[in-house]
Amino acid sequence: MIISRKKLARSKIEQIKAGYSAYTESKEVASYMKKELEKLGIPVHEDATDVGYWFTPQKKVM
């Protein structure tokens, strides 16, 4: 099964909008998420580790 990285990133951004943290193993997905979150003005804390990337919303987005 092939999963679009952009579609995956968009679903994770929706998680963040709902006030939940999101995790991805892919640097490509993390990069796309970071750009989109900046464009949308959604403040997040990004934690990059050896095994992946965590995005935690700074405040709940309405």
N, C-alpha and C. Protein backbone atom coordinates (compact mmCIF):
# COMPACT_ATOMS: atom_id res chain seq x y z
N MET A 1 0.84 -1.18 0.00
CA MET A 1 0.00 0.00 0.00
C MET A 1 0.88 1.24 0.00
N ILE A 2 0.64 2.14 -0.91
CA ILE A 2 1.41 3.38 -1.01
C ILE A 2 0.63 4.50 -0.32
N ILE A 3 1.32 5.21 0.56
CA ILE A 3 0.70 6.31 1.29
C ILE A 3 1.40 7.61 0.89
N SER A 4 0.63 8.59 0.48
CA SER A 4 1.17 9.89 0.12
C SER A 4 1.75 10.58 1.36
N ARG A 5 2.98 11.04 1.25
CA ARG A 5 3.61 11.72 2.39
C ARG A 5 2.90 13.03 2.71
N LYS A 6 2.44 13.74 1.67
CA LYS A 6 1.72 15.00 1.91
C LYS A 6 0.39 14.74 2.60
N LYS A 7 -0.30 13.68 2.19
CA LYS A 7 -1.58 13.33 2.81
C LYS A 7 -1.35 12.95 4.28
N LEU A 8 -0.30 12.21 4.54
CA LEU A 8 0.05 11.83 5.90
C LEU A 8 0.35 13.07 6.74
N ALA A 9 1.12 14.00 6.18
CA ALA A 9 1.46 15.23 6.88
C ALA A 9 0.21 16.05 7.18
N ARG A 10 -0.70 16.13 6.20
CA ARG A 10 -1.95 16.89 6.41
C ARG A 10 -2.78 16.30 7.54
N SER A 11 -2.83 14.98 7.63
CA SER A 11 -3.61 14.36 8.71
C SER A 11 -2.95 14.63 10.07
N LYS A 12 -1.64 14.67 10.10
CA LYS A 12 -0.94 14.97 11.34
C LYS A 12 -1.13 16.43 11.74
N ILE A 13 -1.20 17.32 10.76
CA ILE A 13 -1.46 18.73 11.04
C ILE A 13 -2.86 18.89 11.63
N GLU A 14 -3.82 18.12 11.14
CA GLU A 14 -5.17 18.14 11.70
C GLU A 14 -5.16 17.69 13.16
N GLN A 15 -4.32 16.71 13.49
CA GLN A 15 -4.14 16.27 14.88
C GLN A 15 -3.67 17.43 15.74
N ILE A 16 -2.68 18.16 15.24
CA ILE A 16 -2.11 19.29 15.97
C ILE A 16 -3.17 20.38 16.15
N LYS A 17 -3.95 20.65 15.10
CA LYS A 17 -5.03 21.64 15.20
C LYS A 17 -6.03 21.27 16.28
N ALA A 18 -6.23 19.97 16.50
CA ALA A 18 -7.16 19.49 17.52
C ALA A 18 -6.54 19.53 18.92
N GLY A 19 -5.26 19.93 19.00
CA GLY A 19 -4.60 20.05 20.30
C GLY A 19 -3.76 18.86 20.71
N TYR A 20 -3.57 17.89 19.80
CA TYR A 20 -2.79 16.70 20.09
C TYR A 20 -1.39 16.79 19.49
N SER A 21 -0.46 16.04 20.08
CA SER A 21 0.89 15.94 19.53
C SER A 21 0.87 15.02 18.32
N ALA A 22 1.87 15.19 17.45
CA ALA A 22 1.99 14.33 16.27
C ALA A 22 3.44 13.89 16.14
N TYR A 23 3.62 12.65 15.66
CA TYR A 23 4.95 12.06 15.50
C TYR A 23 5.12 11.55 14.07
N THR A 24 6.31 11.73 13.54
CA THR A 24 6.65 11.14 12.24
C THR A 24 8.10 10.68 12.27
N GLU A 25 8.35 9.60 11.58
CA GLU A 25 9.72 9.08 11.45
C GLU A 25 10.43 9.72 10.27
N SER A 26 9.66 10.22 9.31
CA SER A 26 10.21 10.71 8.05
C SER A 26 10.64 12.18 8.12
N LYS A 27 11.87 12.43 7.71
CA LYS A 27 12.37 13.80 7.66
C LYS A 27 11.58 14.62 6.63
N GLU A 28 11.21 13.97 5.52
CA GLU A 28 10.44 14.64 4.47
C GLU A 28 9.07 15.09 4.99
N VAL A 29 8.38 14.22 5.70
CA VAL A 29 7.06 14.56 6.26
C VAL A 29 7.23 15.67 7.30
N ALA A 30 8.25 15.57 8.14
CA ALA A 30 8.50 16.59 9.17
C ALA A 30 8.76 17.95 8.53
N SER A 31 9.52 17.98 7.47
CA SER A 31 9.83 19.22 6.77
C SER A 31 8.56 19.85 6.20
N TYR A 32 7.73 19.04 5.56
CA TYR A 32 6.48 19.54 5.00
C TYR A 32 5.56 20.05 6.11
N MET A 33 5.48 19.31 7.22
CA MET A 33 4.65 19.73 8.34
C MET A 33 5.11 21.07 8.90
N LYS A 34 6.41 21.21 9.05
CA LYS A 34 6.97 22.44 9.60
C LYS A 34 6.62 23.65 8.73
N LYS A 35 6.76 23.49 7.41
CA LYS A 35 6.42 24.58 6.47
C LYS A 35 4.94 24.93 6.55
N GLU A 36 4.08 23.92 6.56
CA GLU A 36 2.64 24.16 6.60
C GLU A 36 2.22 24.80 7.92
N LEU A 37 2.78 24.34 9.02
CA LEU A 37 2.45 24.91 10.33
C LEU A 37 2.87 26.37 10.42
N GLU A 38 4.03 26.70 9.85
CA GLU A 38 4.48 28.09 9.82
C GLU A 38 3.54 28.93 8.97
N LYS A 39 3.14 28.39 7.82
CA LYS A 39 2.24 29.09 6.92
C LYS A 39 0.88 29.35 7.60
N LEU A 40 0.42 28.38 8.39
CA LEU A 40 -0.86 28.51 9.07
C LEU A 40 -0.76 29.32 10.37
N GLY A 41 0.46 29.61 10.80
CA GLY A 41 0.67 30.38 12.02
C GLY A 41 0.37 29.58 13.29
N ILE A 42 0.60 28.29 13.25
CA ILE A 42 0.34 27.43 14.40
C ILE A 42 1.66 27.19 15.14
N PRO A 43 1.77 27.70 16.36
CA PRO A 43 3.02 27.53 17.11
C PRO A 43 3.13 26.11 17.68
N VAL A 44 4.26 25.48 17.42
CA VAL A 44 4.51 24.13 17.93
C VAL A 44 5.93 24.05 18.49
N HIS A 45 6.12 23.09 19.37
CA HIS A 45 7.47 22.75 19.84
C HIS A 45 7.89 21.52 19.04
N GLU A 46 9.00 21.62 18.35
CA GLU A 46 9.49 20.50 17.55
C GLU A 46 10.64 19.83 18.27
N ASP A 47 10.54 18.53 18.46
CA ASP A 47 11.58 17.75 19.11
C ASP A 47 12.11 16.73 18.10
N ALA A 48 13.31 16.98 17.58
CA ALA A 48 13.92 16.08 16.60
C ALA A 48 14.86 15.13 17.35
N THR A 49 14.62 13.82 17.20
CA THR A 49 15.45 12.81 17.84
C THR A 49 16.07 11.92 16.78
N ASP A 50 16.84 10.95 17.20
CA ASP A 50 17.45 10.00 16.28
C ASP A 50 16.42 9.10 15.60
N VAL A 51 15.27 8.93 16.23
CA VAL A 51 14.27 8.01 15.70
C VAL A 51 13.07 8.70 15.05
N GLY A 52 12.97 10.02 15.17
CA GLY A 52 11.84 10.71 14.55
C GLY A 52 11.65 12.12 15.07
N TYR A 53 10.49 12.68 14.74
CA TYR A 53 10.18 14.07 15.05
C TYR A 53 8.84 14.16 15.76
N TRP A 54 8.81 14.86 16.89
CA TRP A 54 7.57 15.11 17.62
C TRP A 54 7.21 16.58 17.44
N PHE A 55 5.94 16.82 17.19
CA PHE A 55 5.41 18.18 17.10
C PHE A 55 4.33 18.30 18.18
N THR A 56 4.55 19.24 19.11
CA THR A 56 3.61 19.45 20.20
C THR A 56 3.05 20.87 20.10
N PRO A 57 1.73 21.01 20.03
CA PRO A 57 1.17 22.36 19.91
C PRO A 57 1.45 23.17 21.17
N GLN A 58 1.74 24.45 20.98
CA GLN A 58 2.02 25.34 22.11
C GLN A 58 0.74 25.77 22.82
N LYS A 59 -0.33 25.87 22.06
CA LYS A 59 -1.63 26.19 22.63
C LYS A 59 -2.69 25.56 21.73
N LYS A 60 -3.88 25.39 22.26
CA LYS A 60 -4.95 24.79 21.47
C LYS A 60 -5.38 25.75 20.38
N VAL A 61 -5.49 25.26 19.16
CA VAL A 61 -5.88 26.05 18.00
C VAL A 61 -7.38 25.90 17.81
N MET A 62 -8.05 27.00 17.59
CA MET A 62 -9.51 26.93 17.38
C MET A 62 -9.82 26.87 15.92
